[in-house]
């Protein structure tokens, strides 16, 4: 593993929980729906599309540092490249391993359906408004986030070593290097 050079603002250590706050891929879903709204009417009702277009993907957090007050020791904004890139970047910045369950990552049904329609990976889709957090007690952090109206789930653990392990329904594998954001594929297909 090569260290990802950046200024680390907090602390990440083995044994901590990984928490996803917000919805992976939803910001990208909104952008795709805006760009391809006419095409989406072939498959979805107007009300469904309006629900996507009017969806708010930004969290009610004024500054990411507020996560520290809720029990987070570090936070990584999830933007370009989706949550899988954020997981890669966070573990690379701190030279730690991670183990996480793909199906525990919060994803809206609308994102799943748009991604299926355009053959996109929701976990590699633009996710502004979503954050990856670490905490000594992820359950307490999730409870504090939910009290503020933020969807959050413990998705895994920080581990010793440098392995980035994904647990999915077929077993487990290793996280690949970040790929191009799926948003570009979703916007370019006409």
N, C-alpha and C. Protein backbone atom coordinates (compact mmCIF):
# COMPACT_ATOMS: atom_id res chain seq x y z
N UNK A 1 0.85 -1.18 0.00
CA UNK A 1 0.00 0.00 0.00
C UNK A 1 0.89 1.24 0.00
N UNK A 2 0.56 2.17 -0.86
CA UNK A 2 1.27 3.43 -0.89
C UNK A 2 0.43 4.46 -0.13
N UNK A 3 1.09 5.22 0.73
CA UNK A 3 0.38 6.22 1.52
C UNK A 3 -0.24 7.27 0.60
N UNK A 4 -1.46 7.63 0.90
CA UNK A 4 -2.12 8.73 0.20
C UNK A 4 -1.74 10.00 0.94
N UNK A 5 -1.08 10.90 0.22
CA UNK A 5 -0.59 12.13 0.84
C UNK A 5 -1.73 13.13 0.98
N UNK A 6 -1.96 13.53 2.20
CA UNK A 6 -2.95 14.55 2.51
C UNK A 6 -2.78 14.94 3.96
N UNK A 7 -3.43 15.99 4.37
CA UNK A 7 -3.41 16.40 5.77
C UNK A 7 -4.53 15.64 6.47
N UNK A 8 -4.15 14.81 7.42
CA UNK A 8 -5.15 14.07 8.19
C UNK A 8 -5.62 14.94 9.34
N UNK A 9 -6.91 15.01 9.54
CA UNK A 9 -7.48 15.92 10.53
C UNK A 9 -7.86 15.23 11.84
N UNK A 10 -7.84 13.93 11.86
CA UNK A 10 -8.28 13.23 13.06
C UNK A 10 -7.42 12.03 13.35
N UNK A 11 -8.08 10.92 13.71
CA UNK A 11 -7.37 9.70 14.07
C UNK A 11 -8.15 8.50 13.53
N UNK A 12 -7.41 7.57 12.97
CA UNK A 12 -7.97 6.29 12.53
C UNK A 12 -7.03 5.21 13.06
N UNK A 13 -7.61 4.22 13.76
CA UNK A 13 -6.77 3.15 14.30
C UNK A 13 -7.54 1.83 14.25
N UNK A 14 -6.81 0.73 14.18
CA UNK A 14 -7.45 -0.59 14.16
C UNK A 14 -8.40 -0.76 15.35
N UNK A 15 -9.53 -1.41 15.06
CA UNK A 15 -10.54 -1.65 16.08
C UNK A 15 -11.68 -0.66 16.02
N UNK A 16 -11.47 0.48 15.39
CA UNK A 16 -12.55 1.46 15.28
C UNK A 16 -13.59 0.99 14.28
N UNK A 17 -14.79 1.52 14.44
CA UNK A 17 -15.88 1.24 13.51
C UNK A 17 -15.83 2.20 12.33
N UNK A 18 -16.27 1.70 11.17
CA UNK A 18 -16.48 2.52 9.98
C UNK A 18 -17.98 2.80 9.90
N UNK A 19 -18.33 4.06 9.73
CA UNK A 19 -19.73 4.48 9.68
C UNK A 19 -19.95 5.25 8.39
N UNK A 20 -21.02 4.90 7.68
CA UNK A 20 -21.43 5.67 6.51
C UNK A 20 -22.61 6.54 6.93
N UNK A 21 -22.50 7.86 6.67
CA UNK A 21 -23.57 8.81 7.00
C UNK A 21 -24.07 9.42 5.70
N UNK A 22 -25.38 9.41 5.51
CA UNK A 22 -25.96 9.87 4.26
C UNK A 22 -26.12 8.69 3.32
N UNK A 23 -26.50 8.99 2.08
CA UNK A 23 -26.78 7.92 1.11
C UNK A 23 -25.74 7.91 -0.01
N UNK A 24 -25.09 6.77 -0.17
CA UNK A 24 -24.11 6.60 -1.24
C UNK A 24 -24.81 6.73 -2.59
N UNK A 25 -24.21 7.52 -3.47
CA UNK A 25 -24.69 7.63 -4.84
C UNK A 25 -25.89 8.51 -5.09
N UNK A 26 -26.51 9.04 -4.05
CA UNK A 26 -27.74 9.78 -4.30
C UNK A 26 -27.51 11.09 -5.03
N UNK A 27 -26.43 11.80 -4.74
CA UNK A 27 -26.14 13.05 -5.45
C UNK A 27 -25.96 12.77 -6.94
N UNK A 28 -25.29 11.68 -7.27
CA UNK A 28 -25.14 11.30 -8.67
C UNK A 28 -26.46 10.91 -9.31
N UNK A 29 -27.32 10.26 -8.54
CA UNK A 29 -28.65 9.89 -9.03
C UNK A 29 -29.44 11.14 -9.42
N UNK A 30 -29.38 12.16 -8.59
CA UNK A 30 -30.08 13.42 -8.87
C UNK A 30 -29.53 14.06 -10.14
N UNK A 31 -28.21 14.08 -10.29
CA UNK A 31 -27.60 14.67 -11.49
C UNK A 31 -28.00 13.92 -12.75
N UNK A 32 -28.00 12.60 -12.69
CA UNK A 32 -28.40 11.79 -13.85
C UNK A 32 -29.87 12.03 -14.18
N UNK A 33 -30.71 12.07 -13.15
CA UNK A 33 -32.14 12.29 -13.37
C UNK A 33 -32.40 13.66 -14.00
N UNK A 34 -31.65 14.67 -13.60
CA UNK A 34 -31.81 16.00 -14.20
C UNK A 34 -31.40 15.98 -15.67
N UNK A 35 -30.30 15.32 -15.95
CA UNK A 35 -29.77 15.29 -17.32
C UNK A 35 -30.61 14.43 -18.25
N UNK A 36 -31.18 13.36 -17.72
CA UNK A 36 -31.86 12.37 -18.57
C UNK A 36 -33.33 12.18 -18.20
N UNK A 37 -33.92 13.26 -17.70
CA UNK A 37 -35.30 13.19 -17.22
C UNK A 37 -36.26 12.67 -18.28
N UNK A 38 -36.17 13.18 -19.50
CA UNK A 38 -37.07 12.75 -20.56
C UNK A 38 -37.00 11.25 -20.80
N UNK A 39 -35.81 10.73 -20.81
CA UNK A 39 -35.60 9.30 -21.03
C UNK A 39 -36.17 8.47 -19.88
N UNK A 40 -36.06 8.99 -18.66
CA UNK A 40 -36.53 8.25 -17.49
C UNK A 40 -38.05 8.06 -17.48
N UNK A 41 -38.77 8.96 -18.15
CA UNK A 41 -40.23 8.84 -18.20
C UNK A 41 -40.68 7.58 -18.94
N UNK A 42 -39.79 6.95 -19.68
CA UNK A 42 -40.12 5.68 -20.34
C UNK A 42 -40.32 4.56 -19.32
N UNK A 43 -39.66 4.69 -18.18
CA UNK A 43 -39.65 3.60 -17.21
C UNK A 43 -40.29 3.94 -15.87
N UNK A 44 -40.30 5.22 -15.51
CA UNK A 44 -40.75 5.62 -14.18
C UNK A 44 -41.86 6.66 -14.27
N UNK A 45 -42.69 6.71 -13.24
CA UNK A 45 -43.77 7.69 -13.19
C UNK A 45 -43.20 9.09 -12.96
N UNK A 46 -43.99 10.09 -13.29
CA UNK A 46 -43.57 11.48 -13.07
C UNK A 46 -43.36 11.75 -11.58
N UNK A 47 -44.23 11.18 -10.73
CA UNK A 47 -44.09 11.38 -9.29
C UNK A 47 -42.77 10.80 -8.77
N UNK A 48 -42.41 9.65 -9.30
CA UNK A 48 -41.16 9.01 -8.87
C UNK A 48 -39.97 9.86 -9.29
N UNK A 49 -39.98 10.34 -10.52
CA UNK A 49 -38.88 11.17 -11.01
C UNK A 49 -38.83 12.48 -10.22
N UNK A 50 -39.98 13.07 -9.94
CA UNK A 50 -40.01 14.31 -9.14
C UNK A 50 -39.43 14.08 -7.76
N UNK A 51 -39.71 12.92 -7.17
CA UNK A 51 -39.16 12.60 -5.85
C UNK A 51 -37.63 12.58 -5.90
N UNK A 52 -37.08 12.07 -6.99
CA UNK A 52 -35.62 12.07 -7.13
C UNK A 52 -35.13 13.49 -7.32
N UNK A 53 -35.74 14.22 -8.25
CA UNK A 53 -35.28 15.57 -8.57
C UNK A 53 -35.39 16.52 -7.39
N UNK A 54 -36.35 16.30 -6.51
CA UNK A 54 -36.53 17.16 -5.34
C UNK A 54 -35.84 16.61 -4.11
N UNK A 55 -35.11 15.51 -4.27
CA UNK A 55 -34.43 14.89 -3.13
C UNK A 55 -33.27 15.74 -2.64
N UNK A 56 -33.12 15.79 -1.35
CA UNK A 56 -32.03 16.55 -0.74
C UNK A 56 -30.95 15.56 -0.32
N UNK A 57 -29.78 15.71 -0.92
CA UNK A 57 -28.70 14.79 -0.60
C UNK A 57 -27.69 15.38 0.37
N UNK A 58 -27.80 16.66 0.70
CA UNK A 58 -26.86 17.28 1.63
C UNK A 58 -27.30 17.04 3.06
N UNK A 59 -26.34 16.76 3.91
CA UNK A 59 -26.63 16.49 5.32
C UNK A 59 -26.81 17.80 6.08
N UNK A 60 -27.62 17.79 7.14
CA UNK A 60 -27.80 19.00 7.95
C UNK A 60 -26.60 19.23 8.88
N UNK A 61 -25.43 19.38 8.28
CA UNK A 61 -24.19 19.59 9.02
C UNK A 61 -23.55 20.86 8.46
N UNK A 62 -23.29 21.81 9.32
CA UNK A 62 -22.70 23.07 8.85
C UNK A 62 -21.23 22.90 8.51
N UNK A 63 -20.51 22.13 9.31
CA UNK A 63 -19.10 21.85 9.07
C UNK A 63 -18.83 20.40 9.44
N UNK A 64 -18.00 19.72 8.64
CA UNK A 64 -17.70 18.32 8.96
C UNK A 64 -17.15 18.13 10.37
N UNK A 65 -16.50 19.16 10.92
CA UNK A 65 -15.97 19.07 12.28
C UNK A 65 -17.05 18.79 13.33
N UNK A 66 -18.31 19.05 12.98
CA UNK A 66 -19.40 18.74 13.90
C UNK A 66 -19.48 17.24 14.19
N UNK A 67 -18.97 16.42 13.27
CA UNK A 67 -18.99 14.98 13.49
C UNK A 67 -18.17 14.61 14.73
N UNK A 68 -17.11 15.38 14.99
CA UNK A 68 -16.27 15.11 16.17
C UNK A 68 -17.09 15.23 17.45
N UNK A 69 -17.95 16.24 17.50
CA UNK A 69 -18.79 16.42 18.69
C UNK A 69 -19.75 15.26 18.90
N UNK A 70 -20.04 14.53 17.83
CA UNK A 70 -20.96 13.39 17.91
C UNK A 70 -20.25 12.07 18.17
N UNK A 71 -18.91 12.09 18.20
CA UNK A 71 -18.15 10.89 18.51
C UNK A 71 -17.27 10.36 17.41
N UNK A 72 -17.19 11.05 16.28
CA UNK A 72 -16.31 10.60 15.19
C UNK A 72 -14.88 11.02 15.48
N UNK A 73 -13.93 10.17 15.10
CA UNK A 73 -12.52 10.52 15.27
C UNK A 73 -11.92 11.02 13.95
N UNK A 74 -12.57 10.71 12.83
CA UNK A 74 -12.13 11.18 11.51
C UNK A 74 -13.33 11.09 10.56
N UNK A 75 -13.29 11.88 9.49
CA UNK A 75 -14.36 11.89 8.50
C UNK A 75 -13.76 12.13 7.12
N UNK A 76 -14.36 11.51 6.18
CA UNK A 76 -13.93 11.60 4.78
C UNK A 76 -15.16 11.93 3.95
N UNK A 77 -15.20 13.10 3.29
CA UNK A 77 -16.34 13.39 2.43
C UNK A 77 -16.35 12.41 1.25
N UNK A 78 -17.53 11.94 0.91
CA UNK A 78 -17.67 11.02 -0.22
C UNK A 78 -18.16 11.84 -1.40
N UNK A 79 -17.33 11.98 -2.39
CA UNK A 79 -17.72 12.78 -3.56
C UNK A 79 -17.41 11.99 -4.82
N UNK A 80 -16.49 12.49 -5.61
CA UNK A 80 -16.12 11.85 -6.87
C UNK A 80 -15.56 10.45 -6.61
N UNK A 81 -16.05 9.49 -7.36
CA UNK A 81 -15.60 8.11 -7.21
C UNK A 81 -16.43 7.29 -6.23
N UNK A 82 -17.32 7.95 -5.50
CA UNK A 82 -18.22 7.25 -4.62
C UNK A 82 -17.61 6.77 -3.32
N UNK A 83 -18.39 5.98 -2.60
CA UNK A 83 -17.96 5.54 -1.27
C UNK A 83 -16.79 4.57 -1.33
N UNK A 84 -16.67 3.81 -2.42
CA UNK A 84 -15.52 2.90 -2.51
C UNK A 84 -14.21 3.68 -2.60
N UNK A 85 -14.22 4.80 -3.29
CA UNK A 85 -13.02 5.64 -3.35
C UNK A 85 -12.73 6.24 -1.97
N UNK A 86 -13.77 6.67 -1.26
CA UNK A 86 -13.57 7.24 0.07
C UNK A 86 -12.96 6.19 1.02
N UNK A 87 -13.43 4.96 0.94
CA UNK A 87 -12.87 3.89 1.75
C UNK A 87 -11.40 3.66 1.41
N UNK A 88 -11.08 3.67 0.12
CA UNK A 88 -9.70 3.51 -0.35
C UNK A 88 -8.83 4.65 0.19
N UNK A 89 -9.32 5.87 0.02
CA UNK A 89 -8.55 7.05 0.41
C UNK A 89 -8.31 7.10 1.91
N UNK A 90 -9.34 6.83 2.70
CA UNK A 90 -9.19 6.90 4.15
C UNK A 90 -8.20 5.86 4.65
N UNK A 91 -8.31 4.63 4.16
CA UNK A 91 -7.38 3.59 4.61
C UNK A 91 -5.97 3.90 4.13
N UNK A 92 -5.83 4.45 2.93
CA UNK A 92 -4.51 4.80 2.41
C UNK A 92 -3.88 5.97 3.13
N UNK A 93 -4.68 6.92 3.57
CA UNK A 93 -4.15 8.09 4.28
C UNK A 93 -3.58 7.70 5.64
N UNK A 94 -4.17 6.69 6.25
CA UNK A 94 -3.74 6.26 7.58
C UNK A 94 -2.97 4.94 7.57
N UNK A 95 -2.79 4.37 6.38
CA UNK A 95 -2.05 3.11 6.23
C UNK A 95 -2.62 2.02 7.13
N UNK A 96 -3.95 1.88 7.08
CA UNK A 96 -4.62 0.84 7.86
C UNK A 96 -5.41 -0.06 6.91
N UNK A 97 -5.77 -1.20 7.41
CA UNK A 97 -6.66 -2.07 6.67
C UNK A 97 -8.10 -1.72 7.02
N UNK A 98 -9.02 -2.24 6.23
CA UNK A 98 -10.44 -2.07 6.51
C UNK A 98 -11.16 -3.36 6.12
N UNK A 99 -12.27 -3.58 6.75
CA UNK A 99 -13.17 -4.69 6.41
C UNK A 99 -14.58 -4.13 6.51
N UNK A 100 -15.33 -4.21 5.42
CA UNK A 100 -16.67 -3.63 5.43
C UNK A 100 -17.63 -4.49 4.64
N UNK A 101 -18.92 -4.36 4.98
CA UNK A 101 -19.98 -5.10 4.30
C UNK A 101 -20.68 -4.18 3.32
N UNK A 102 -20.63 -4.54 2.06
CA UNK A 102 -21.19 -3.73 0.99
C UNK A 102 -22.67 -3.45 1.22
N UNK A 103 -23.43 -4.45 1.62
CA UNK A 103 -24.88 -4.29 1.76
C UNK A 103 -25.30 -3.46 2.96
N UNK A 104 -24.36 -3.12 3.84
CA UNK A 104 -24.71 -2.26 4.98
C UNK A 104 -24.61 -0.78 4.61
N UNK A 105 -23.99 -0.47 3.48
CA UNK A 105 -23.85 0.92 3.06
C UNK A 105 -25.23 1.45 2.67
N UNK A 106 -25.66 2.56 3.27
CA UNK A 106 -26.99 3.10 2.93
C UNK A 106 -27.06 3.59 1.48
N UNK A 107 -28.01 3.04 0.74
CA UNK A 107 -28.26 3.42 -0.65
C UNK A 107 -29.78 3.50 -0.81
N UNK A 108 -30.25 4.59 -1.40
CA UNK A 108 -31.70 4.73 -1.62
C UNK A 108 -32.15 3.82 -2.76
N UNK A 109 -33.38 3.37 -2.67
CA UNK A 109 -33.96 2.53 -3.73
C UNK A 109 -33.92 3.24 -5.08
N UNK A 110 -34.13 4.55 -5.08
CA UNK A 110 -34.09 5.31 -6.32
C UNK A 110 -32.72 5.19 -7.00
N UNK A 111 -31.67 5.22 -6.20
CA UNK A 111 -30.31 5.06 -6.74
C UNK A 111 -30.13 3.68 -7.34
N UNK A 112 -30.60 2.66 -6.64
CA UNK A 112 -30.50 1.29 -7.15
C UNK A 112 -31.20 1.18 -8.50
N UNK A 113 -32.39 1.73 -8.59
CA UNK A 113 -33.17 1.59 -9.84
C UNK A 113 -32.56 2.38 -10.99
N UNK A 114 -32.06 3.58 -10.73
CA UNK A 114 -31.41 4.36 -11.79
C UNK A 114 -30.13 3.65 -12.22
N UNK A 115 -29.37 3.14 -11.27
CA UNK A 115 -28.13 2.44 -11.59
C UNK A 115 -28.40 1.17 -12.40
N UNK A 116 -29.43 0.44 -12.04
CA UNK A 116 -29.78 -0.76 -12.82
C UNK A 116 -30.18 -0.37 -14.24
N UNK A 117 -30.92 0.71 -14.39
CA UNK A 117 -31.38 1.14 -15.71
C UNK A 117 -30.22 1.50 -16.63
N UNK A 118 -29.16 2.12 -16.06
CA UNK A 118 -28.03 2.58 -16.87
C UNK A 118 -26.75 1.77 -16.64
N UNK A 119 -26.87 0.62 -16.00
CA UNK A 119 -25.74 -0.27 -15.75
C UNK A 119 -24.59 0.44 -15.04
N UNK A 120 -24.90 1.02 -13.89
CA UNK A 120 -23.92 1.76 -13.09
C UNK A 120 -23.73 1.09 -11.74
N UNK A 121 -22.58 1.30 -11.14
CA UNK A 121 -22.29 0.80 -9.81
C UNK A 121 -22.61 1.91 -8.81
N UNK A 122 -23.62 1.74 -7.95
CA UNK A 122 -24.00 2.82 -7.02
C UNK A 122 -22.90 3.16 -6.01
N UNK A 123 -22.00 2.23 -5.75
CA UNK A 123 -20.94 2.46 -4.77
C UNK A 123 -19.76 3.22 -5.37
N UNK A 124 -19.77 3.40 -6.69
CA UNK A 124 -18.74 4.18 -7.39
C UNK A 124 -19.35 5.44 -8.02
N UNK A 125 -20.52 5.82 -7.52
CA UNK A 125 -21.26 6.96 -8.07
C UNK A 125 -21.09 8.19 -7.16
N UNK A 126 -20.95 9.34 -7.78
CA UNK A 126 -20.79 10.62 -7.09
C UNK A 126 -21.74 10.70 -5.89
N UNK A 127 -21.20 11.09 -4.73
CA UNK A 127 -21.96 10.98 -3.48
C UNK A 127 -21.82 12.18 -2.57
N UNK A 128 -21.79 13.39 -3.14
CA UNK A 128 -21.73 14.58 -2.29
C UNK A 128 -22.85 14.50 -1.26
N UNK A 129 -22.54 14.90 -0.03
CA UNK A 129 -23.53 14.84 1.04
C UNK A 129 -23.44 13.56 1.85
N UNK A 130 -22.59 12.64 1.43
CA UNK A 130 -22.37 11.39 2.17
C UNK A 130 -20.98 11.50 2.80
N UNK A 131 -20.81 10.92 3.99
CA UNK A 131 -19.52 10.94 4.67
C UNK A 131 -19.18 9.55 5.17
N UNK A 132 -17.90 9.24 5.15
CA UNK A 132 -17.36 8.04 5.77
C UNK A 132 -16.70 8.50 7.06
N UNK A 133 -17.07 7.88 8.16
CA UNK A 133 -16.59 8.29 9.48
C UNK A 133 -15.94 7.11 10.18
N UNK A 134 -15.03 7.42 11.11
CA UNK A 134 -14.51 6.40 12.01
C UNK A 134 -14.85 6.82 13.43
N UNK A 135 -15.04 5.83 14.28
CA UNK A 135 -15.39 6.10 15.68
C UNK A 135 -15.01 4.91 16.55
N UNK A 136 -14.68 5.20 17.79
CA UNK A 136 -14.42 4.11 18.74
C UNK A 136 -15.70 3.33 19.00
N UNK A 137 -16.83 4.02 19.01
CA UNK A 137 -18.12 3.35 19.21
C UNK A 137 -19.06 3.80 18.10
N UNK A 138 -19.09 3.04 17.02
CA UNK A 138 -19.91 3.38 15.88
C UNK A 138 -21.40 3.38 16.18
N UNK A 139 -21.83 2.51 17.08
CA UNK A 139 -23.25 2.45 17.44
C UNK A 139 -23.72 3.75 18.07
N UNK A 140 -22.90 4.30 18.97
CA UNK A 140 -23.25 5.59 19.59
C UNK A 140 -23.26 6.70 18.56
N UNK A 141 -22.29 6.68 17.63
CA UNK A 141 -22.23 7.70 16.59
C UNK A 141 -23.47 7.61 15.69
N UNK A 142 -23.84 6.40 15.31
CA UNK A 142 -25.04 6.21 14.48
C UNK A 142 -26.27 6.75 15.19
N UNK A 143 -26.42 6.46 16.48
CA UNK A 143 -27.56 6.97 17.25
C UNK A 143 -27.58 8.50 17.28
N UNK A 144 -26.41 9.11 17.48
CA UNK A 144 -26.33 10.57 17.52
C UNK A 144 -26.68 11.17 16.16
N UNK A 145 -26.23 10.54 15.09
CA UNK A 145 -26.55 11.02 13.75
C UNK A 145 -28.03 10.89 13.45
N UNK A 146 -28.61 9.75 13.84
CA UNK A 146 -30.04 9.54 13.60
C UNK A 146 -30.90 10.54 14.38
N UNK A 147 -30.45 10.94 15.58
CA UNK A 147 -31.16 11.96 16.34
C UNK A 147 -31.20 13.28 15.58
N UNK A 148 -30.22 13.52 14.73
CA UNK A 148 -30.17 14.75 13.91
C UNK A 148 -30.84 14.54 12.55
N UNK A 149 -31.46 13.39 12.36
CA UNK A 149 -32.17 13.13 11.10
C UNK A 149 -31.27 12.66 9.98
N UNK A 150 -30.10 12.13 10.32
CA UNK A 150 -29.14 11.67 9.32
C UNK A 150 -29.13 10.15 9.27
N UNK A 151 -29.36 9.59 8.11
CA UNK A 151 -29.26 8.14 7.92
C UNK A 151 -27.81 7.73 8.10
N UNK A 152 -27.57 6.74 8.92
CA UNK A 152 -26.20 6.27 9.17
C UNK A 152 -26.22 4.80 9.56
N UNK A 153 -25.15 4.12 9.22
CA UNK A 153 -24.99 2.70 9.56
C UNK A 153 -23.52 2.39 9.82
N UNK A 154 -23.28 1.48 10.76
CA UNK A 154 -21.94 0.92 10.92
C UNK A 154 -21.76 -0.07 9.78
N UNK A 155 -20.72 0.12 8.96
CA UNK A 155 -20.53 -0.74 7.79
C UNK A 155 -19.33 -1.66 7.92
N UNK A 156 -18.49 -1.43 8.93
CA UNK A 156 -17.33 -2.29 9.07
C UNK A 156 -16.37 -1.81 10.15
N UNK A 157 -15.12 -2.24 10.00
CA UNK A 157 -14.08 -1.97 11.00
C UNK A 157 -12.78 -1.55 10.32
N UNK A 158 -12.00 -0.77 11.06
CA UNK A 158 -10.61 -0.50 10.70
C UNK A 158 -9.82 -1.69 11.25
N UNK A 159 -8.89 -2.21 10.45
CA UNK A 159 -8.15 -3.41 10.85
C UNK A 159 -6.65 -3.18 10.82
N UNK A 160 -5.92 -4.09 11.46
CA UNK A 160 -4.46 -4.10 11.36
C UNK A 160 -4.07 -4.45 9.94
N UNK A 161 -2.86 -4.11 9.57
CA UNK A 161 -2.37 -4.47 8.24
C UNK A 161 -2.84 -3.49 7.19
N UNK A 162 -2.84 -3.95 5.93
CA UNK A 162 -3.17 -3.04 4.83
C UNK A 162 -4.26 -3.60 3.91
N UNK A 163 -4.85 -4.72 4.28
CA UNK A 163 -5.88 -5.31 3.42
C UNK A 163 -7.16 -4.49 3.48
N UNK A 164 -7.76 -4.33 2.30
CA UNK A 164 -9.05 -3.64 2.18
C UNK A 164 -10.06 -4.70 1.74
N UNK A 165 -10.78 -5.25 2.69
CA UNK A 165 -11.64 -6.40 2.44
C UNK A 165 -13.10 -5.98 2.33
N UNK A 166 -13.75 -6.44 1.26
CA UNK A 166 -15.18 -6.23 1.05
C UNK A 166 -15.89 -7.54 1.33
N UNK A 167 -16.92 -7.50 2.17
CA UNK A 167 -17.76 -8.67 2.41
C UNK A 167 -19.05 -8.43 1.64
N UNK A 168 -19.43 -9.39 0.81
CA UNK A 168 -20.67 -9.29 0.03
C UNK A 168 -21.36 -10.63 0.05
N UNK A 169 -22.53 -10.72 -0.60
CA UNK A 169 -23.34 -11.93 -0.48
C UNK A 169 -22.65 -13.17 -1.02
N UNK A 170 -21.69 -13.01 -1.93
CA UNK A 170 -20.98 -14.15 -2.51
C UNK A 170 -19.74 -14.55 -1.73
N UNK A 171 -19.46 -13.86 -0.65
CA UNK A 171 -18.26 -14.15 0.11
C UNK A 171 -17.52 -12.87 0.43
N UNK A 172 -16.23 -12.85 0.09
CA UNK A 172 -15.45 -11.65 0.31
C UNK A 172 -14.41 -11.50 -0.77
N UNK A 173 -13.92 -10.29 -0.91
CA UNK A 173 -12.90 -9.97 -1.90
C UNK A 173 -12.12 -8.76 -1.42
N UNK A 174 -11.33 -8.21 -2.32
CA UNK A 174 -10.52 -7.06 -1.97
C UNK A 174 -10.96 -5.85 -2.78
N UNK A 175 -10.90 -4.70 -2.14
CA UNK A 175 -11.27 -3.45 -2.78
C UNK A 175 -10.27 -3.12 -3.88
N UNK A 176 -10.77 -2.87 -5.07
CA UNK A 176 -9.93 -2.48 -6.20
C UNK A 176 -9.57 -1.00 -6.08
N UNK A 177 -8.52 -0.63 -6.81
CA UNK A 177 -8.15 0.79 -6.89
C UNK A 177 -9.36 1.58 -7.40
N UNK A 178 -9.46 2.85 -7.01
CA UNK A 178 -10.58 3.66 -7.48
C UNK A 178 -10.64 3.72 -9.00
N UNK A 179 -11.85 3.69 -9.51
CA UNK A 179 -12.10 3.77 -10.95
C UNK A 179 -12.78 5.10 -11.25
N UNK A 180 -12.92 5.40 -12.52
CA UNK A 180 -13.61 6.62 -12.94
C UNK A 180 -15.03 6.62 -12.37
N UNK A 181 -15.48 7.79 -11.94
CA UNK A 181 -16.80 7.91 -11.35
C UNK A 181 -17.86 7.45 -12.35
N UNK A 182 -18.82 6.68 -11.87
CA UNK A 182 -19.90 6.18 -12.71
C UNK A 182 -20.81 7.29 -13.24
N UNK A 183 -20.73 8.47 -12.62
CA UNK A 183 -21.54 9.60 -13.07
C UNK A 183 -21.27 9.91 -14.54
N UNK A 184 -20.02 9.86 -14.95
CA UNK A 184 -19.66 10.19 -16.34
C UNK A 184 -20.31 9.21 -17.31
N UNK A 185 -20.32 7.96 -16.94
CA UNK A 185 -20.98 6.95 -17.77
C UNK A 185 -22.48 7.20 -17.82
N UNK A 186 -23.06 7.56 -16.69
CA UNK A 186 -24.50 7.81 -16.61
C UNK A 186 -24.95 9.03 -17.38
N UNK A 187 -24.07 10.03 -17.45
CA UNK A 187 -24.43 11.26 -18.17
C UNK A 187 -24.13 11.17 -19.66
N UNK A 188 -23.16 10.36 -20.04
CA UNK A 188 -22.73 10.34 -21.43
C UNK A 188 -23.57 9.43 -22.32
N UNK A 189 -24.27 8.49 -21.74
CA UNK A 189 -25.07 7.55 -22.55
C UNK A 189 -26.33 8.23 -23.04
N UNK A 190 -26.42 8.42 -24.31
CA UNK A 190 -27.62 9.06 -24.89
C UNK A 190 -28.29 8.13 -25.85
